[in-house]
Amino acid sequence: MEIELTSVHFIYLGFIAAILAFMLLRLDTTFISLAGVFFISLAATHSAIASVMGLFNSLIYAAGELLPTIFIICFTVSMSELLAKTGVNEAMVTPIAKWMKGPALAYWITGALMFIISSFFWPSPAVALIGAVLLPAALKAGLSPIAVACAMNLFGHGFALSGDYIIQAAPKLTGDAAGLSVAEVMSASVPLVLIMGFSTTAAAFFMLRKEKDNQAAANSERRQSEPEWLLPPAPRKWLALMIPVIFLGDIAAMLILELQGDEATALVGGTAVFVMILIHFIVHKHRRLEKITGYFIRGFQFGFKVFAPVIPIAAFFYLGDAGFEKVLTAEIPGFSNRIVQDLGSAFAHSVPLSPELAAVALTVTGAVTGLDGSGFSGISLAGSAASMFAAAVDGNPAVLTALGQISAIWVGGGTLVPWALIPVAAICKVDPFDLARKNFIPVAAGLTVTTIAAIFLL
């Protein structure tokens, strides 16, 4: 069924363009995002009161959606600060650093481990696991924080998640919408996922190598100014051995109990709290109940400081999807509550039919539906559009379905949308908007190459 676009859809598109322009020009996006929420609400409800209320409700909704991520970042940062002050962090990374001979190996080792863990448990818990152990070792090897963030992000939220061969949630959703089996979608996606993954991560690697990196000097300066460790050598080494074992226990529990997604994230977050409390009691023997709150406060200060500029832009994009009906308090009869999906569907129905344009259309449709920051929300639309286009051009529906899936997840799953980048950016202590800009060229190049490959596979 062809979708009829309204003024709400065009206002939403206009503000998307404005937000992207603000980001590219390195301007603050808070005002333009909140202005978008207000004018979309006004166009949909025709009520100034409802639109003003929509501003507040959109921020509350966005904060609620992001709260689990905020919490795991806060707890991981609190734990990492305590590990750094005790010297446990330094003891943990010493064996790993022996394998990371220089920034190039650090990039690929970090990426490979992120890919493996993300394939089994999805990227969110992988970020906390990799960040706690490998980040200090990668920095010590001379890799900059933004390069570590790119490696974790592209290999986890992009490469591993777009194929989703272990958990198989993505091929199940797209396959059902396209009328295909999971096996058909997965088989067709293998060459496209590999082309997209290797071209994007390689492009990012060569771009990062060209940049001047003063990380080694910064690390040297940091080590020289480091205060004395709060623990003597013996307990430092003991804890450095025990903490990885605890997190390996998390991985074993995930496999045995089949914990995935939010459940796996909760397990890792709870483990970070447990480790922090354990080390705190070992270090602060005589002031056990007076110090722990300070670590929690510093963790929450960092988490909310990082998320503060992201919540307004997330509020705008959530309005384009599931947040629409929850943000606006007025009844809007006959109006769709999925602006992003309407736009994607309208685009899919308006494209002239040819194999080349069909492939381009699926890439764009997937990218548009990924703008809400959830790579999975729009892949059903990508699957149904793929089925329609494949029939029209007498092509392989599985190839088009896989292409739409890859595009939606790489854009919305956490490589280009700033608030989806928050877990990695926060762990690596880089700006999520800077990380999105770093990822843009490699991801855009990868999507271009993958789309061309899909045309030949049709």
Protein backbone atom coordinates (compact mmCIF):
# COMPACT_ATOMS: atom_id res chain seq x y z
CA MET A 1 0.00 0.00 0.00
CA GLU A 2 1.37 3.40 -1.00
CA ILE A 3 1.91 5.81 1.87
CA GLU A 4 0.55 9.36 1.64
CA LEU A 5 3.04 11.77 3.16
CA THR A 6 1.82 14.72 5.23
CA SER A 7 3.33 17.99 6.41
CA VAL A 8 4.61 16.14 9.50
CA HIS A 9 6.74 13.87 7.34
CA PHE A 10 8.22 16.77 5.37
CA ILE A 11 8.94 18.78 8.53
CA TYR A 12 10.69 15.72 9.97
CA LEU A 13 12.79 15.38 6.79
CA GLY A 14 13.66 19.08 6.87
CA PHE A 15 14.89 18.91 10.45
CA ILE A 16 16.90 15.76 9.71
CA ALA A 17 18.73 17.72 7.02
CA ALA A 18 19.23 20.63 9.44
CA ILE A 19 20.56 18.38 12.21
CA LEU A 20 23.00 16.70 9.81
CA ALA A 21 24.18 20.12 8.63
CA PHE A 22 24.69 21.26 12.23
CA MET A 23 26.70 18.11 12.96
CA LEU A 24 28.90 18.49 9.89
CA LEU A 25 29.55 22.14 10.77
CA ARG A 26 30.35 21.12 14.38
CA LEU A 27 27.50 23.26 15.72
CA ASP A 28 25.50 22.39 18.82
CA THR A 29 22.48 20.27 17.91
CA THR A 30 20.38 20.74 21.06
CA PHE A 31 18.40 23.77 19.86
CA ILE A 32 17.67 22.44 16.37
CA SER A 33 16.62 19.05 17.78
CA LEU A 34 14.20 20.54 20.30
CA ALA A 35 12.87 22.93 17.66
CA GLY A 36 12.18 19.90 15.49
CA VAL A 37 10.25 18.21 18.30
CA PHE A 38 8.15 21.34 18.85
CA PHE A 39 7.24 21.95 15.20
CA ILE A 40 6.50 18.29 14.48
CA SER A 41 4.25 18.20 17.53
CA LEU A 42 2.57 21.41 16.42
CA ALA A 43 1.97 20.10 12.89
CA ALA A 44 0.58 16.81 14.21
CA THR A 45 -1.63 18.11 17.04
CA HIS A 46 -2.37 21.73 15.98
CA SER A 47 -2.06 22.58 19.67
CA ALA A 48 0.58 24.87 21.16
CA ILE A 49 -0.05 23.42 24.63
CA ALA A 50 0.42 19.83 23.42
CA SER A 51 3.57 20.87 21.58
CA VAL A 52 5.09 22.47 24.68
CA MET A 53 4.21 19.37 26.66
CA GLY A 54 5.75 17.32 23.85
CA LEU A 55 9.12 18.98 24.45
CA PHE A 56 9.21 17.70 28.02
CA ASN A 57 7.70 14.30 27.23
CA SER A 58 10.18 13.71 24.40
CA LEU A 59 13.14 14.30 26.73
CA ILE A 60 11.66 12.03 29.39
CA TYR A 61 11.00 9.30 26.82
CA ALA A 62 14.52 9.55 25.36
CA ALA A 63 16.12 9.50 28.81
CA GLY A 64 14.06 6.43 29.74
CA GLU A 65 15.11 4.60 26.58
CA LEU A 66 18.77 5.46 27.17
CA LEU A 67 18.77 4.86 30.94
CA PRO A 68 20.06 1.24 30.86
CA THR A 69 22.96 2.36 28.67
CA ILE A 70 23.63 5.35 30.92
CA PHE A 71 23.75 3.09 33.97
CA ILE A 72 26.15 0.52 32.55
CA ILE A 73 28.45 3.35 31.44
CA CYS A 74 28.31 4.92 34.91
CA PHE A 75 29.10 1.63 36.65
CA THR A 76 31.87 0.68 34.24
CA VAL A 77 33.50 4.10 34.61
CA SER A 78 33.26 3.88 38.41
CA MET A 79 34.92 0.46 38.33
CA SER A 80 37.60 1.60 35.87
CA GLU A 81 38.49 4.60 38.04
CA LEU A 82 39.02 2.37 41.04
CA LEU A 83 41.05 -0.11 38.97
CA ALA A 84 43.25 2.75 37.75
CA LYS A 85 43.85 4.17 41.24
CA THR A 86 44.77 0.78 42.70
CA GLY A 87 47.12 -0.11 39.84
CA VAL A 88 45.09 -3.22 38.98
CA ASN A 89 44.43 -1.85 35.52
CA GLU A 90 48.14 -1.53 34.86
CA ALA A 91 48.75 -5.10 36.03
CA MET A 92 45.89 -6.41 33.87
CA VAL A 93 47.10 -4.87 30.63
CA THR A 94 50.76 -5.86 30.95
CA PRO A 95 50.31 -9.41 29.51
CA ILE A 96 47.92 -8.18 26.79
CA ALA A 97 50.23 -5.32 25.83
CA LYS A 98 52.90 -7.89 24.87
CA TRP A 99 50.67 -8.98 21.99
CA MET A 100 49.90 -5.44 20.87
CA LYS A 101 53.14 -4.46 19.21
CA GLY A 102 52.22 -1.01 17.98
CA PRO A 103 48.97 0.73 17.04
CA ALA A 104 48.27 -1.37 13.92
CA LEU A 105 48.13 -4.67 15.80
CA ALA A 106 46.21 -2.98 18.62
CA TYR A 107 43.53 -1.87 16.14
CA TRP A 108 43.03 -5.30 14.58
CA ILE A 109 43.26 -7.28 17.83
CA THR A 110 40.74 -4.98 19.54
CA GLY A 111 38.44 -5.21 16.52
CA ALA A 112 38.72 -8.98 16.21
CA LEU A 113 37.89 -9.61 19.88
CA MET A 114 35.01 -7.12 19.69
CA PHE A 115 33.68 -8.98 16.63
CA ILE A 116 33.85 -12.37 18.35
CA ILE A 117 32.15 -11.30 21.59
CA SER A 118 29.54 -9.20 19.75
CA SER A 119 28.66 -12.16 17.53
CA PHE A 120 27.68 -14.19 20.57
CA PHE A 121 26.21 -11.58 22.91
CA TRP A 122 25.59 -8.46 20.78
CA PRO A 123 27.73 -5.32 21.08
CA SER A 124 26.44 -3.67 24.29
CA PRO A 125 27.89 -6.18 26.77
CA ALA A 126 30.94 -6.58 24.52
CA VAL A 127 31.71 -2.86 24.87
CA ALA A 128 31.95 -3.12 28.65
CA LEU A 129 34.00 -6.33 28.53
CA ILE A 130 36.46 -5.10 25.88
CA GLY A 131 36.65 -1.57 27.29
CA ALA A 132 37.52 -2.70 30.79
CA VAL A 133 40.41 -4.93 29.71
CA LEU A 134 41.67 -3.97 26.25
CA LEU A 135 41.30 -0.18 26.17
CA PRO A 136 44.28 0.53 28.48
CA ALA A 137 46.42 -1.99 26.56
CA ALA A 138 45.50 -0.44 23.20
CA LEU A 139 46.31 3.05 24.49
CA LYS A 140 49.61 1.78 25.83
CA ALA A 141 50.40 0.36 22.38
CA GLY A 142 50.03 3.86 20.90
CA LEU A 143 46.47 3.72 19.56
CA SER A 144 44.49 6.91 20.15
CA PRO A 145 41.18 6.77 22.07
CA ILE A 146 39.20 7.70 18.94
CA ALA A 147 40.90 4.88 17.00
CA VAL A 148 40.04 2.36 19.73
CA ALA A 149 36.45 3.61 19.66
CA CYS A 150 36.30 3.24 15.85
CA ALA A 151 37.66 -0.31 16.03
CA MET A 152 35.20 -1.39 18.73
CA ASN A 153 32.32 0.37 17.01
CA LEU A 154 32.85 -0.78 13.43
CA PHE A 155 33.69 -4.38 14.26
CA GLY A 156 30.95 -4.78 16.88
CA HIS A 157 27.93 -2.60 16.08
CA GLY A 158 28.60 -2.85 12.35
CA PHE A 159 30.43 -5.97 11.17
CA ALA A 160 29.17 -8.48 13.74
CA LEU A 161 25.66 -7.12 14.23
CA SER A 162 24.81 -6.70 10.53
CA GLY A 163 25.28 -10.42 9.90
CA ASP A 164 23.98 -11.61 13.29
CA TYR A 165 24.83 -15.21 12.39
CA ILE A 166 24.80 -16.61 15.94
CA ILE A 167 21.71 -15.04 17.52
CA GLN A 168 19.96 -14.68 14.12
CA ALA A 169 17.45 -12.01 15.19
CA ALA A 170 18.17 -9.76 12.19
CA PRO A 171 17.85 -12.40 9.44
CA LYS A 172 14.71 -13.71 11.15
CA LEU A 173 13.02 -10.28 11.03
CA THR A 174 14.02 -9.46 7.48
CA GLY A 175 13.35 -12.99 6.25
CA ASP A 176 9.83 -13.07 7.71
CA ALA A 177 8.99 -9.74 6.07
CA ALA A 178 10.34 -10.88 2.71
CA GLY A 179 8.76 -14.33 2.85
CA LEU A 180 12.16 -16.05 2.98
CA SER A 181 13.74 -18.51 5.37
CA VAL A 182 16.48 -17.45 7.78
CA ALA A 183 18.91 -19.76 5.96
CA GLU A 184 18.23 -18.05 2.61
CA VAL A 185 18.84 -14.57 4.03
CA MET A 186 22.00 -15.66 5.87
CA SER A 187 23.41 -17.42 2.83
CA ALA A 188 22.84 -14.38 0.61
CA SER A 189 24.23 -12.01 3.24
CA VAL A 190 27.62 -13.72 3.69
CA PRO A 191 29.45 -12.09 0.73
CA LEU A 192 27.78 -8.72 1.35
CA VAL A 193 28.55 -8.72 5.10
CA LEU A 194 32.19 -9.64 4.38
CA ILE A 195 32.55 -6.96 1.69
CA MET A 196 30.94 -4.33 3.92
CA GLY A 197 32.88 -5.35 7.02
CA PHE A 198 36.36 -5.59 5.52
CA SER A 199 36.05 -2.53 3.26
CA THR A 200 34.77 -0.34 6.10
CA THR A 201 37.23 -1.45 8.78
CA ALA A 202 40.15 -1.27 6.32
CA ALA A 203 39.13 2.21 5.15
CA ALA A 204 38.88 3.38 8.77
CA PHE A 205 42.29 1.85 9.56
CA PHE A 206 44.07 3.64 6.70
CA MET A 207 42.33 6.92 7.50
CA LEU A 208 43.37 6.68 11.14
CA ARG A 209 46.96 5.84 10.21
CA LYS A 210 47.28 9.08 8.25
CA GLU A 211 46.38 11.17 11.26
CA LYS A 212 49.09 12.44 13.54
CA ASP A 213 48.87 10.59 16.81
CA ASN A 214 50.37 12.06 19.93
CA GLN A 215 48.93 9.34 22.14
CA ALA A 216 52.27 7.83 23.07
CA ALA A 217 53.52 11.15 24.40
CA ALA A 218 50.24 11.70 26.20
CA ASN A 219 50.45 8.27 27.80
CA SER A 220 54.03 8.91 28.87
CA GLU A 221 53.05 12.19 30.47
CA ARG A 222 50.12 10.50 32.18
CA ARG A 223 52.26 7.72 33.61
CA GLN A 224 54.82 10.18 34.94
CA SER A 225 52.15 12.15 36.79
CA GLU A 226 50.33 9.05 38.09
CA PRO A 227 50.00 8.97 41.91
CA GLU A 228 51.21 6.00 43.87
CA TRP A 229 49.02 2.94 43.64
CA LEU A 230 46.58 2.31 46.48
CA LEU A 231 47.53 -1.37 46.60
CA PRO A 232 50.91 -3.10 46.97
CA PRO A 233 52.21 -5.40 44.19
CA ALA A 234 50.94 -8.74 45.56
CA PRO A 235 47.21 -7.92 45.81
CA ARG A 236 47.42 -5.96 42.54
CA LYS A 237 48.60 -9.06 40.67
CA TRP A 238 46.05 -11.27 42.42
CA LEU A 239 43.17 -8.97 41.50
CA ALA A 240 44.51 -8.53 37.95
CA LEU A 241 44.17 -12.29 37.53
CA MET A 242 40.84 -12.61 39.33
CA ILE A 243 38.91 -9.84 37.50
CA PRO A 244 39.35 -11.27 33.98
CA VAL A 245 38.34 -14.67 35.38
CA ILE A 246 35.15 -13.09 36.76
CA PHE A 247 34.30 -11.57 33.39
CA LEU A 248 35.13 -14.84 31.63
CA GLY A 249 32.63 -16.37 34.05
CA ASP A 250 30.10 -13.88 32.66
CA ILE A 251 30.79 -15.15 29.16
CA ALA A 252 30.37 -18.75 30.30
CA ALA A 253 27.09 -17.87 32.02
CA MET A 254 25.84 -16.16 28.86
CA LEU A 255 26.57 -19.30 26.84
CA ILE A 256 25.14 -21.76 29.35
CA LEU A 257 22.04 -19.72 30.24
CA GLU A 258 21.64 -18.33 26.69
CA LEU A 259 21.67 -14.73 27.91
CA GLN A 260 21.63 -12.20 25.08
CA GLY A 261 20.99 -8.51 24.49
CA ASP A 262 19.65 -6.69 27.54
CA GLU A 263 20.08 -9.70 29.82
CA ALA A 264 23.75 -10.03 28.90
CA THR A 265 24.22 -6.29 29.37
CA ALA A 266 22.61 -6.48 32.83
CA LEU A 267 24.94 -9.31 33.82
CA VAL A 268 28.04 -7.35 32.78
CA GLY A 269 26.77 -4.17 34.46
CA GLY A 270 26.01 -6.00 37.70
CA THR A 271 29.44 -7.63 37.58
CA ALA A 272 31.08 -4.21 37.25
CA VAL A 273 29.25 -3.08 40.40
CA PHE A 274 30.27 -6.27 42.22
CA VAL A 275 33.95 -5.85 41.24
CA MET A 276 33.92 -2.21 42.30
CA ILE A 277 32.46 -3.05 45.72
CA LEU A 278 34.93 -5.91 46.19
CA ILE A 279 38.01 -3.81 45.41
CA HIS A 280 36.66 -0.90 47.44
CA PHE A 281 36.42 -3.08 50.55
CA ILE A 282 39.94 -4.39 50.00
CA VAL A 283 41.43 -0.92 49.54
CA HIS A 284 39.52 1.17 52.07
CA LYS A 285 39.66 -1.17 55.01
CA HIS A 286 38.97 1.35 57.74
CA ARG A 287 36.56 3.62 55.84
CA ARG A 288 34.57 1.03 53.92
CA LEU A 289 31.20 2.74 54.07
CA GLU A 290 32.45 6.28 53.48
CA LYS A 291 34.25 5.97 50.15
CA ILE A 292 32.05 3.89 47.88
CA THR A 293 29.44 6.62 47.36
CA GLY A 294 32.14 8.90 45.97
CA TYR A 295 32.99 6.40 43.23
CA PHE A 296 29.32 6.05 42.32
CA ILE A 297 28.93 9.84 42.20
CA ARG A 298 31.92 10.28 39.89
CA GLY A 299 30.65 7.53 37.63
CA PHE A 300 27.19 9.11 37.39
CA GLN A 301 28.67 12.57 36.87
CA PHE A 302 30.64 11.26 33.92
CA GLY A 303 27.70 9.28 32.47
CA PHE A 304 25.20 12.12 32.57
CA LYS A 305 27.77 14.65 31.36
CA VAL A 306 28.33 12.50 28.29
CA PHE A 307 24.63 11.87 27.69
CA ALA A 308 23.39 15.44 28.27
CA PRO A 309 24.01 16.69 24.69
CA VAL A 310 22.75 13.42 23.21
CA ILE A 311 19.33 13.16 24.89
CA PRO A 312 17.79 16.12 22.94
CA ILE A 313 18.85 14.76 19.53
CA ALA A 314 17.71 11.27 20.55
CA ALA A 315 14.35 12.77 21.59
CA PHE A 316 13.89 14.13 18.07
CA PHE A 317 14.71 10.88 16.30
CA TYR A 318 12.67 8.75 18.71
CA LEU A 319 9.73 10.95 17.71
CA GLY A 320 10.03 9.46 14.24
CA ASP A 321 9.38 5.96 15.50
CA ALA A 322 7.91 4.35 18.62
CA GLY A 323 8.16 7.54 20.67
CA PHE A 324 5.56 9.40 18.59
CA GLU A 325 2.44 8.10 20.32
CA LYS A 326 4.09 8.18 23.76
CA VAL A 327 5.41 11.73 23.46
CA LEU A 328 2.31 13.43 22.06
CA THR A 329 -0.64 13.51 24.42
CA ALA A 330 -3.31 14.47 21.86
CA GLU A 331 -5.36 12.00 19.82
CA ILE A 332 -4.43 12.11 16.13
CA PRO A 333 -7.01 10.07 14.20
CA GLY A 334 -5.96 8.50 10.91
CA PHE A 335 -2.27 9.37 11.35
CA SER A 336 0.56 6.84 11.36
CA ASN A 337 2.75 6.72 14.46
CA ARG A 338 5.85 5.65 12.51
CA ILE A 339 7.18 8.64 10.56
CA VAL A 340 10.49 6.96 9.66
CA GLN A 341 8.82 3.81 8.36
CA ASP A 342 6.35 5.91 6.36
CA LEU A 343 9.25 7.75 4.72
CA GLY A 344 11.06 4.51 3.94
CA SER A 345 7.94 2.91 2.50
CA ALA A 346 7.10 5.98 0.41
CA PHE A 347 10.64 6.02 -0.98
CA ALA A 348 10.46 2.31 -1.80
CA HIS A 349 7.22 2.79 -3.74
CA SER A 350 8.41 5.82 -5.69
CA VAL A 351 11.68 4.48 -7.13
CA PRO A 352 11.76 3.52 -10.87
CA LEU A 353 12.32 -0.20 -11.32
CA SER A 354 15.67 -1.56 -12.53
CA PRO A 355 18.22 -3.86 -10.84
CA GLU A 356 20.64 -0.99 -10.21
CA LEU A 357 18.03 1.35 -8.78
CA ALA A 358 16.48 -1.48 -6.77
CA ALA A 359 19.80 -2.07 -4.99
CA VAL A 360 20.30 1.65 -4.38
CA ALA A 361 16.71 1.93 -3.13
CA LEU A 362 17.20 -0.88 -0.59
CA THR A 363 20.40 0.73 0.70
CA VAL A 364 18.68 4.11 1.10
CA THR A 365 15.54 2.56 2.60
CA GLY A 366 17.59 0.67 5.18
CA ALA A 367 19.61 3.78 6.01
CA VAL A 368 16.48 5.92 6.45
CA THR A 369 14.80 3.39 8.73
CA GLY A 370 18.02 3.24 10.78
CA LEU A 371 17.90 6.94 11.62
CA ASP A 372 15.96 6.26 14.83
CA GLY A 373 19.10 4.70 16.28
CA SER A 374 17.75 1.16 16.41
CA GLY A 375 19.04 -0.88 13.53
CA PHE A 376 16.30 -3.45 14.06
CA SER A 377 13.21 -1.24 14.01
CA GLY A 378 13.13 -0.81 10.24
CA ILE A 379 14.56 -4.03 8.87
CA SER A 380 11.11 -5.58 8.48
CA LEU A 381 10.29 -2.74 6.09
CA ALA A 382 13.57 -3.42 4.27
CA GLY A 383 12.52 -7.07 3.90
CA SER A 384 9.09 -6.28 2.49
CA ALA A 385 10.55 -3.69 0.09
CA ALA A 386 13.16 -6.21 -1.04
CA SER A 387 10.45 -8.75 -1.89
CA MET A 388 8.53 -6.15 -3.90
CA PHE A 389 11.57 -4.91 -5.85
CA ALA A 390 12.91 -8.39 -6.52
CA ALA A 391 9.61 -9.42 -8.12
CA ALA A 392 9.57 -6.26 -10.26
CA VAL A 393 13.12 -6.65 -11.62
CA ASP A 394 13.19 -10.47 -11.60
CA GLY A 395 16.09 -10.44 -9.12
CA ASN A 396 17.14 -12.44 -6.09
CA PRO A 397 14.99 -11.31 -3.13
CA ALA A 398 17.46 -12.74 -0.59
CA VAL A 399 20.26 -10.48 -1.90
CA LEU A 400 18.11 -7.35 -1.68
CA THR A 401 16.84 -8.40 1.75
CA ALA A 402 20.39 -8.85 3.04
CA LEU A 403 21.42 -5.49 1.55
CA GLY A 404 18.57 -3.66 3.32
CA GLN A 405 19.43 -5.43 6.57
CA ILE A 406 23.10 -4.47 6.34
CA SER A 407 22.31 -0.82 5.55
CA ALA A 408 19.79 -0.44 8.38
CA ILE A 409 22.04 -2.00 11.01
CA TRP A 410 25.26 -0.24 10.00
CA VAL A 411 23.49 3.14 10.08
CA GLY A 412 21.14 2.64 13.02
CA GLY A 413 22.80 -0.13 14.99
CA GLY A 414 25.55 2.08 16.26
CA THR A 415 28.09 3.44 13.76
CA LEU A 416 26.57 6.69 12.46
CA VAL A 417 23.73 7.73 14.79
CA PRO A 418 25.36 9.63 17.70
CA TRP A 419 23.32 8.31 20.63
CA ALA A 420 23.81 4.73 19.44
CA LEU A 421 27.56 5.44 19.67
CA ILE A 422 27.37 6.45 23.32
CA PRO A 423 28.51 3.16 24.95
CA VAL A 424 31.76 3.02 22.96
CA ALA A 425 32.33 6.79 23.10
CA ALA A 426 31.85 6.89 26.86
CA ILE A 427 34.12 3.93 27.57
CA CYS A 428 36.87 5.43 25.37
CA LYS A 429 36.14 8.97 26.66
CA VAL A 430 35.66 10.53 23.22
CA ASP A 431 32.88 12.73 21.89
CA PRO A 432 30.12 10.65 20.20
CA PHE A 433 29.65 13.29 17.51
CA ASP A 434 33.37 13.17 16.68
CA LEU A 435 33.15 9.39 16.52
CA ALA A 436 30.17 9.60 14.15
CA ARG A 437 32.15 11.94 11.89
CA LYS A 438 35.15 9.56 11.93
CA ASN A 439 32.90 6.66 10.97
CA PHE A 440 31.01 8.48 8.23
CA ILE A 441 33.45 8.20 5.31
CA PRO A 442 34.41 4.53 5.93
CA VAL A 443 30.75 3.49 6.38
CA ALA A 444 29.59 5.49 3.35
CA ALA A 445 32.39 3.96 1.25
CA GLY A 446 31.52 0.49 2.52
CA LEU A 447 27.83 0.91 1.68
CA THR A 448 28.73 2.11 -1.81
CA VAL A 449 30.98 -0.88 -2.49
CA THR A 450 28.44 -3.31 -0.99
CA THR A 451 25.60 -1.86 -3.06
CA ILE A 452 27.66 -2.28 -6.25
CA ALA A 453 28.44 -5.89 -5.25
CA ALA A 454 24.73 -6.54 -4.64
CA ILE A 455 23.90 -5.34 -8.16
CA PHE A 456 26.19 -8.02 -9.64
CA LEU A 457 24.77 -10.68 -7.28
CA LEU A 458 21.17 -9.93 -8.28
